[in-house]
Amino acid sequence: MPTETSLHFAADHPAFAGHFPGQPMVPGALLLDAVVHAITQTQAEPCSADTGSPCAWQFASAKFLSPVQPGETLTLSWVPGAAGSSRFTIVCGKRQIASGTVLAEAREVAS
């Protein structure tokens, strides 16, 4: 069953200063960070449950299909899969913004 949340990046977000002056857009890295943050806020980290270690997140795939302007409200949806993976999509209304797969892997903890 998909899980869903809204994303909104205010026009005064610091990322817009460099992306891009005169034509600001939300950087892809900021979108991907929001994906990981949303997933970790709504479900137990699979790595912690299995190994007691925190997760290291890795994107197996990510496609950016449309730019996002400051102030637009987005909908992030994801479906948990096997072995700590989640398939996600980001839309703005009916416009597809991004999609991909993120994987949670156990992080080695130094003793």
N, C-alpha and C. Protein backbone atom coordinates (compact mmCIF):
# COMPACT_ATOMS: atom_id res chain seq x y z
N MET A 1 0.84 -1.18 0.00
CA MET A 1 0.00 0.00 0.00
C MET A 1 0.89 1.25 0.00
N PRO A 2 0.64 2.20 -0.89
CA PRO A 2 1.49 3.39 -0.95
C PRO A 2 1.30 4.30 0.25
N THR A 3 2.36 4.96 0.61
CA THR A 3 2.35 5.99 1.63
C THR A 3 2.58 7.30 0.91
N GLU A 4 2.00 8.39 1.44
CA GLU A 4 2.04 9.66 0.72
C GLU A 4 2.24 10.82 1.69
N THR A 5 2.94 11.85 1.22
CA THR A 5 3.11 13.08 1.98
C THR A 5 3.26 14.25 1.01
N SER A 6 3.06 15.44 1.51
CA SER A 6 3.25 16.65 0.70
C SER A 6 4.62 17.24 0.94
N LEU A 7 5.18 17.82 -0.10
CA LEU A 7 6.46 18.53 -0.02
C LEU A 7 6.24 19.95 -0.48
N HIS A 8 6.90 20.88 0.19
CA HIS A 8 6.80 22.28 -0.21
C HIS A 8 8.14 22.94 0.11
N PHE A 9 8.71 23.61 -0.88
CA PHE A 9 9.98 24.31 -0.69
C PHE A 9 9.71 25.80 -0.84
N ALA A 10 9.77 26.52 0.25
CA ALA A 10 9.47 27.96 0.26
C ALA A 10 10.44 28.71 -0.65
N ALA A 11 9.98 29.80 -1.19
CA ALA A 11 10.77 30.61 -2.12
C ALA A 11 12.07 31.13 -1.48
N ASP A 12 12.11 31.23 -0.16
CA ASP A 12 13.33 31.73 0.50
C ASP A 12 14.27 30.60 0.93
N HIS A 13 14.05 29.37 0.45
CA HIS A 13 14.94 28.25 0.80
C HIS A 13 16.34 28.57 0.29
N PRO A 14 17.38 28.33 1.09
CA PRO A 14 18.75 28.67 0.69
C PRO A 14 19.23 28.01 -0.60
N ALA A 15 18.68 26.87 -0.96
CA ALA A 15 19.11 26.16 -2.18
C ALA A 15 18.84 26.98 -3.44
N PHE A 16 17.86 27.87 -3.39
CA PHE A 16 17.51 28.63 -4.59
C PHE A 16 18.55 29.70 -4.95
N ALA A 17 19.41 30.05 -4.01
CA ALA A 17 20.44 31.06 -4.28
C ALA A 17 21.38 30.61 -5.40
N GLY A 18 21.64 29.33 -5.51
CA GLY A 18 22.56 28.83 -6.52
C GLY A 18 21.90 28.03 -7.62
N HIS A 19 20.61 27.79 -7.51
CA HIS A 19 19.88 26.98 -8.50
C HIS A 19 18.67 27.73 -9.01
N PHE A 20 18.63 28.40 -9.88
CA PHE A 20 19.64 29.10 -10.66
C PHE A 20 19.26 30.57 -10.62
N PRO A 21 20.19 31.46 -10.41
CA PRO A 21 19.86 32.88 -10.29
C PRO A 21 19.02 33.35 -11.49
N GLY A 22 17.89 33.98 -11.18
CA GLY A 22 17.00 34.47 -12.22
C GLY A 22 15.97 33.45 -12.66
N GLN A 23 16.23 32.17 -12.48
CA GLN A 23 15.30 31.09 -12.82
C GLN A 23 15.43 29.97 -11.79
N PRO A 24 15.01 30.22 -10.55
CA PRO A 24 15.24 29.22 -9.50
C PRO A 24 14.44 27.95 -9.72
N MET A 25 15.06 26.83 -9.34
CA MET A 25 14.38 25.53 -9.34
C MET A 25 14.92 24.69 -8.19
N VAL A 26 14.10 23.75 -7.75
CA VAL A 26 14.49 22.87 -6.65
C VAL A 26 15.56 21.91 -7.16
N PRO A 27 16.73 21.85 -6.51
CA PRO A 27 17.77 20.90 -6.92
C PRO A 27 17.32 19.46 -6.71
N GLY A 28 17.75 18.58 -7.61
CA GLY A 28 17.41 17.16 -7.50
C GLY A 28 17.87 16.56 -6.18
N ALA A 29 19.02 16.98 -5.68
CA ALA A 29 19.53 16.45 -4.41
C ALA A 29 18.58 16.77 -3.26
N LEU A 30 17.95 17.93 -3.32
CA LEU A 30 16.99 18.31 -2.28
C LEU A 30 15.74 17.42 -2.35
N LEU A 31 15.31 17.10 -3.55
CA LEU A 31 14.17 16.18 -3.72
C LEU A 31 14.51 14.80 -3.18
N LEU A 32 15.70 14.29 -3.50
CA LEU A 32 16.10 12.96 -3.03
C LEU A 32 16.25 12.93 -1.51
N ASP A 33 16.76 14.00 -0.93
CA ASP A 33 16.87 14.09 0.52
C ASP A 33 15.47 14.04 1.16
N ALA A 34 14.51 14.70 0.54
CA ALA A 34 13.13 14.68 1.04
C ALA A 34 12.55 13.27 0.99
N VAL A 35 12.90 12.50 -0.05
CA VAL A 35 12.43 11.11 -0.16
C VAL A 35 12.93 10.29 1.04
N VAL A 36 14.23 10.33 1.29
CA VAL A 36 14.81 9.56 2.40
C VAL A 36 14.22 10.02 3.73
N HIS A 37 14.12 11.32 3.90
CA HIS A 37 13.58 11.86 5.16
C HIS A 37 12.14 11.38 5.38
N ALA A 38 11.30 11.45 4.37
CA ALA A 38 9.91 11.03 4.50
C ALA A 38 9.80 9.55 4.83
N ILE A 39 10.59 8.74 4.15
CA ILE A 39 10.53 7.29 4.39
C ILE A 39 10.97 6.96 5.81
N THR A 40 12.06 7.57 6.28
CA THR A 40 12.55 7.27 7.63
C THR A 40 11.62 7.81 8.71
N GLN A 41 10.82 8.82 8.41
CA GLN A 41 9.88 9.37 9.39
C GLN A 41 8.63 8.51 9.55
N THR A 42 8.31 7.70 8.55
CA THR A 42 7.04 6.98 8.57
C THR A 42 7.16 5.48 8.74
N GLN A 43 8.36 4.96 8.72
CA GLN A 43 8.51 3.52 8.93
C GLN A 43 9.80 3.24 9.67
N ALA A 44 9.83 2.13 10.37
CA ALA A 44 11.05 1.74 11.07
C ALA A 44 12.14 1.47 10.04
N GLU A 45 13.35 1.91 10.34
CA GLU A 45 14.46 1.63 9.43
C GLU A 45 14.68 0.13 9.36
N PRO A 46 14.64 -0.45 8.17
CA PRO A 46 14.80 -1.90 8.06
C PRO A 46 16.14 -2.39 8.57
N CYS A 47 17.16 -1.58 8.47
CA CYS A 47 18.49 -2.01 8.92
C CYS A 47 18.52 -2.14 10.43
N SER A 48 17.94 -1.17 11.13
CA SER A 48 17.94 -1.20 12.58
C SER A 48 17.23 -2.43 13.12
N ALA A 49 16.12 -2.77 12.49
CA ALA A 49 15.35 -3.93 12.94
C ALA A 49 16.14 -5.22 12.73
N ASP A 50 16.86 -5.30 11.61
CA ASP A 50 17.59 -6.54 11.27
C ASP A 50 18.94 -6.65 11.96
N THR A 51 19.67 -5.53 12.03
CA THR A 51 21.06 -5.61 12.50
C THR A 51 21.36 -4.73 13.69
N GLY A 52 20.47 -3.82 14.03
CA GLY A 52 20.74 -2.88 15.11
C GLY A 52 21.58 -1.70 14.64
N SER A 53 21.99 -1.69 13.38
CA SER A 53 22.80 -0.61 12.83
C SER A 53 21.92 0.37 12.06
N PRO A 54 22.33 1.64 12.00
CA PRO A 54 21.57 2.59 11.19
C PRO A 54 21.70 2.28 9.70
N CYS A 55 20.80 2.80 8.90
CA CYS A 55 20.82 2.55 7.46
C CYS A 55 21.70 3.55 6.73
N ALA A 56 22.30 3.07 5.66
CA ALA A 56 22.93 3.92 4.66
C ALA A 56 21.98 3.85 3.47
N TRP A 57 21.55 4.98 2.96
CA TRP A 57 20.57 5.02 1.87
C TRP A 57 21.27 5.18 0.54
N GLN A 58 20.81 4.42 -0.43
CA GLN A 58 21.41 4.44 -1.78
C GLN A 58 20.27 4.46 -2.79
N PHE A 59 20.41 5.30 -3.80
CA PHE A 59 19.41 5.34 -4.86
C PHE A 59 19.82 4.40 -5.98
N ALA A 60 19.00 3.38 -6.21
CA ALA A 60 19.26 2.43 -7.30
C ALA A 60 18.92 3.08 -8.63
N SER A 61 17.93 3.98 -8.60
CA SER A 61 17.56 4.71 -9.81
C SER A 61 16.84 5.99 -9.40
N ALA A 62 16.95 6.99 -10.24
CA ALA A 62 16.21 8.25 -10.05
C ALA A 62 16.12 8.94 -11.40
N LYS A 63 14.89 9.29 -11.78
CA LYS A 63 14.65 10.04 -13.02
C LYS A 63 13.97 11.35 -12.66
N PHE A 64 14.51 12.43 -13.18
CA PHE A 64 13.92 13.75 -13.00
C PHE A 64 13.24 14.13 -14.31
N LEU A 65 11.94 14.32 -14.25
CA LEU A 65 11.14 14.47 -15.45
C LEU A 65 10.67 15.90 -15.71
N SER A 66 10.63 16.73 -14.67
CA SER A 66 10.12 18.09 -14.82
C SER A 66 10.70 18.95 -13.70
N PRO A 67 11.08 20.20 -13.99
CA PRO A 67 11.63 21.06 -12.94
C PRO A 67 10.55 21.52 -11.97
N VAL A 68 10.98 21.85 -10.75
CA VAL A 68 10.08 22.34 -9.71
C VAL A 68 10.47 23.78 -9.38
N GLN A 69 9.49 24.66 -9.41
CA GLN A 69 9.71 26.07 -9.11
C GLN A 69 9.50 26.30 -7.61
N PRO A 70 10.09 27.36 -7.06
CA PRO A 70 9.87 27.68 -5.64
C PRO A 70 8.38 27.84 -5.36
N GLY A 71 7.96 27.32 -4.22
CA GLY A 71 6.58 27.49 -3.78
C GLY A 71 5.60 26.46 -4.28
N GLU A 72 6.00 25.60 -5.22
CA GLU A 72 5.08 24.57 -5.71
C GLU A 72 4.89 23.50 -4.64
N THR A 73 3.68 22.97 -4.55
CA THR A 73 3.38 21.89 -3.62
C THR A 73 3.42 20.57 -4.38
N LEU A 74 4.20 19.65 -3.86
CA LEU A 74 4.41 18.35 -4.50
C LEU A 74 3.79 17.24 -3.65
N THR A 75 3.50 16.13 -4.28
CA THR A 75 3.06 14.94 -3.58
C THR A 75 4.09 13.84 -3.80
N LEU A 76 4.63 13.34 -2.70
CA LEU A 76 5.59 12.24 -2.72
C LEU A 76 4.85 10.98 -2.28
N SER A 77 4.91 9.94 -3.11
CA SER A 77 4.30 8.64 -2.78
C SER A 77 5.38 7.58 -2.88
N TRP A 78 5.29 6.58 -2.01
CA TRP A 78 6.24 5.47 -2.10
C TRP A 78 5.59 4.19 -1.61
N VAL A 79 6.15 3.09 -2.12
CA VAL A 79 5.68 1.75 -1.77
C VAL A 79 6.89 0.96 -1.31
N PRO A 80 6.89 0.49 -0.06
CA PRO A 80 8.00 -0.34 0.40
C PRO A 80 8.05 -1.65 -0.37
N GLY A 81 9.27 -2.09 -0.66
CA GLY A 81 9.47 -3.34 -1.38
C GLY A 81 10.31 -4.30 -0.57
N ALA A 82 10.88 -5.25 -1.25
CA ALA A 82 11.70 -6.28 -0.61
C ALA A 82 13.07 -5.73 -0.22
N ALA A 83 13.64 -6.32 0.80
CA ALA A 83 15.02 -6.06 1.22
C ALA A 83 15.32 -4.59 1.45
N GLY A 84 14.39 -3.84 2.05
CA GLY A 84 14.65 -2.45 2.40
C GLY A 84 14.53 -1.47 1.25
N SER A 85 13.98 -1.89 0.13
CA SER A 85 13.82 -0.96 -1.00
C SER A 85 12.46 -0.27 -0.94
N SER A 86 12.37 0.89 -1.57
CA SER A 86 11.10 1.59 -1.73
C SER A 86 11.10 2.23 -3.10
N ARG A 87 9.99 2.11 -3.80
CA ARG A 87 9.78 2.75 -5.10
C ARG A 87 9.02 4.04 -4.84
N PHE A 88 9.50 5.17 -5.38
CA PHE A 88 8.86 6.45 -5.10
C PHE A 88 8.49 7.19 -6.39
N THR A 89 7.51 8.07 -6.27
CA THR A 89 7.15 9.01 -7.33
C THR A 89 6.87 10.36 -6.68
N ILE A 90 7.19 11.42 -7.41
CA ILE A 90 6.89 12.78 -6.98
C ILE A 90 6.11 13.43 -8.11
N VAL A 91 4.96 14.03 -7.77
CA VAL A 91 4.14 14.71 -8.76
C VAL A 91 3.77 16.11 -8.25
N CYS A 92 3.42 16.96 -9.18
CA CYS A 92 2.88 18.29 -8.88
C CYS A 92 1.57 18.36 -9.66
N GLY A 93 0.46 18.12 -8.97
CA GLY A 93 -0.81 17.97 -9.67
C GLY A 93 -0.75 16.71 -10.51
N LYS A 94 -0.94 16.85 -11.82
CA LYS A 94 -0.85 15.69 -12.73
C LYS A 94 0.52 15.59 -13.40
N ARG A 95 1.38 16.57 -13.14
CA ARG A 95 2.70 16.61 -13.78
C ARG A 95 3.68 15.74 -12.99
N GLN A 96 4.32 14.77 -13.68
CA GLN A 96 5.32 13.93 -13.04
C GLN A 96 6.62 14.72 -12.88
N ILE A 97 7.17 14.67 -11.68
CA ILE A 97 8.40 15.38 -11.36
C ILE A 97 9.59 14.44 -11.33
N ALA A 98 9.46 13.35 -10.58
CA ALA A 98 10.58 12.40 -10.43
C ALA A 98 10.05 11.04 -10.01
N SER A 99 10.89 10.02 -10.25
CA SER A 99 10.56 8.66 -9.80
C SER A 99 11.86 7.90 -9.63
N GLY A 100 11.78 6.81 -8.88
CA GLY A 100 12.97 5.99 -8.70
C GLY A 100 12.81 4.97 -7.61
N THR A 101 13.95 4.38 -7.23
CA THR A 101 14.00 3.36 -6.19
C THR A 101 15.14 3.69 -5.23
N VAL A 102 14.85 3.63 -3.95
CA VAL A 102 15.85 3.87 -2.92
C VAL A 102 16.01 2.58 -2.11
N LEU A 103 17.26 2.31 -1.70
CA LEU A 103 17.57 1.10 -0.94
C LEU A 103 18.17 1.47 0.40
N ALA A 104 17.75 0.77 1.44
CA ALA A 104 18.33 0.93 2.77
C ALA A 104 19.27 -0.24 3.00
N GLU A 105 20.52 0.08 3.31
CA GLU A 105 21.51 -0.96 3.57
C GLU A 105 22.13 -0.71 4.95
N ALA A 106 22.47 -1.78 5.63
CA ALA A 106 23.09 -1.65 6.95
C ALA A 106 24.43 -0.93 6.83
N ARG A 107 24.63 0.04 7.69
CA ARG A 107 25.87 0.81 7.73
C ARG A 107 26.78 0.17 8.78
N GLU A 108 28.05 0.06 8.44
CA GLU A 108 29.00 -0.47 9.42
C GLU A 108 29.25 0.57 10.47
N VAL A 109 29.22 0.15 11.70
CA VAL A 109 29.45 1.05 12.83
C VAL A 109 30.79 0.73 13.45
N ALA A 110 31.65 1.75 13.52
CA ALA A 110 32.98 1.56 14.12
C ALA A 110 32.84 1.38 15.62
N SER A 111 33.63 0.48 16.19
CA SER A 111 33.55 0.27 17.64
C SER A 111 34.59 1.05 18.37
